[in-house]
Protein backbone atom coordinates (compact mmCIF):
# COMPACT_ATOMS: atom_id res chain seq x y z
CA MET A 1 -43.78 43.36 -18.70
CA SER A 2 -44.49 40.58 -16.30
CA TYR A 3 -47.14 41.18 -13.67
CA VAL A 4 -50.10 42.68 -15.52
CA SER A 5 -51.99 41.09 -18.39
CA PHE A 6 -52.90 43.13 -21.45
CA ASP A 7 -56.39 43.17 -22.92
CA ARG A 8 -56.89 43.16 -26.70
CA PHE A 9 -56.83 46.96 -27.06
CA GLN A 10 -53.73 47.36 -24.89
CA SER A 11 -51.97 44.54 -26.75
CA GLU A 12 -52.68 46.08 -30.13
CA LEU A 13 -51.58 49.52 -28.92
CA LEU A 14 -48.30 48.14 -27.57
CA PHE A 15 -47.72 46.18 -30.77
CA LYS A 16 -48.31 49.25 -32.92
CA ALA A 17 -46.03 51.43 -30.79
CA ILE A 18 -43.18 48.90 -30.86
CA SER A 19 -43.70 48.09 -34.52
CA ASP A 20 -43.66 51.76 -35.54
CA ARG A 21 -40.68 52.59 -33.35
CA SER A 22 -38.64 49.56 -34.41
CA GLU A 23 -38.74 50.82 -38.00
CA ARG A 24 -37.15 54.14 -36.98
CA GLY A 25 -34.81 53.45 -34.08
CA SER A 26 -33.86 51.50 -31.02
CA VAL A 27 -36.30 49.94 -28.58
CA ILE A 28 -35.46 48.78 -25.07
CA VAL A 29 -37.81 46.43 -23.23
CA THR A 30 -37.23 44.98 -19.79
CA THR A 31 -39.20 42.07 -18.39
CA ASN A 32 -39.01 39.32 -15.82
CA LEU A 33 -40.52 36.79 -18.21
CA PRO A 34 -38.83 34.89 -21.03
CA PHE A 35 -40.42 35.26 -24.47
CA SER A 36 -41.90 31.77 -24.11
CA GLN A 37 -44.18 33.05 -21.31
CA TRP A 38 -45.41 36.20 -23.04
CA THR A 39 -48.47 34.31 -24.26
CA GLU A 40 -49.64 34.36 -20.64
CA LEU A 41 -49.82 38.19 -20.78
CA PHE A 42 -51.47 38.69 -24.15
CA GLU A 43 -54.72 37.26 -25.50
CA ASN A 44 -53.51 36.86 -29.09
CA THR A 45 -50.66 34.37 -29.52
CA ALA A 46 -50.12 35.35 -33.17
CA MET A 47 -49.60 38.95 -32.08
CA VAL A 48 -47.09 37.79 -29.45
CA ALA A 49 -45.11 35.96 -32.14
CA ALA A 50 -45.10 39.07 -34.35
CA LEU A 51 -44.13 41.30 -31.41
CA VAL A 52 -41.22 39.06 -30.40
CA ASP A 53 -40.17 38.89 -34.06
CA ARG A 54 -39.97 42.68 -34.28
CA LEU A 55 -38.19 43.04 -30.96
CA THR A 56 -35.54 40.44 -31.71
CA PHE A 57 -34.80 41.41 -35.33
CA LYS A 58 -31.24 42.80 -35.50
CA SER A 59 -31.14 43.06 -31.72
CA TYR A 60 -29.20 42.07 -28.66
CA VAL A 61 -31.12 40.02 -26.12
CA LEU A 62 -29.55 40.08 -22.67
CA ASP A 63 -30.61 37.35 -20.28
CA MET A 64 -29.61 38.64 -16.88
CA ASN A 65 -30.22 36.12 -14.14
CA GLY A 66 -28.84 36.74 -10.72
CA ASP A 67 -29.55 37.50 -7.13
CA SER A 68 -32.18 40.11 -6.32
CA TYR A 69 -30.68 43.54 -5.65
CA ARG A 70 -33.69 44.53 -3.53
CA LEU A 71 -33.49 41.39 -1.41
CA ASP A 72 -29.77 41.94 -0.89
CA GLN A 73 -30.38 45.53 0.23
CA THR A 74 -33.10 44.37 2.64
CA PHE A 75 -30.76 41.86 4.27
CA LYS A 76 -28.01 44.47 4.56
CA ALA A 77 -30.41 46.94 6.20
CA GLN A 78 -31.62 44.34 8.69
CA HIS A 79 -28.10 43.41 9.73
CA SER A 80 -26.78 46.94 10.23
C-alpha cells in the first residue's frame, strides 16, 4: 500500500479482510509508507487507527530502509 488511495468501499473491504484473517492466522503487509501516513490513503481516519491496531497486535513490524535494489540493478546494467 502506498501509491493508490482507497475509496470508502475498498477501505471497508480491506479492513474486513484483515480483521477476519488476523483472528485466524498470520497476515503480511508490505508498504512504502509508515503507519503515520496511512491516513493519506484512506478516507476514514478512525478505520485507519483500527486497521493499524489489528495489524500490530502481537506482531513484528520490520522497518527496512535501505538503498533501492531496482536502482542498483539499473546502474549495474548501464555500466556493463
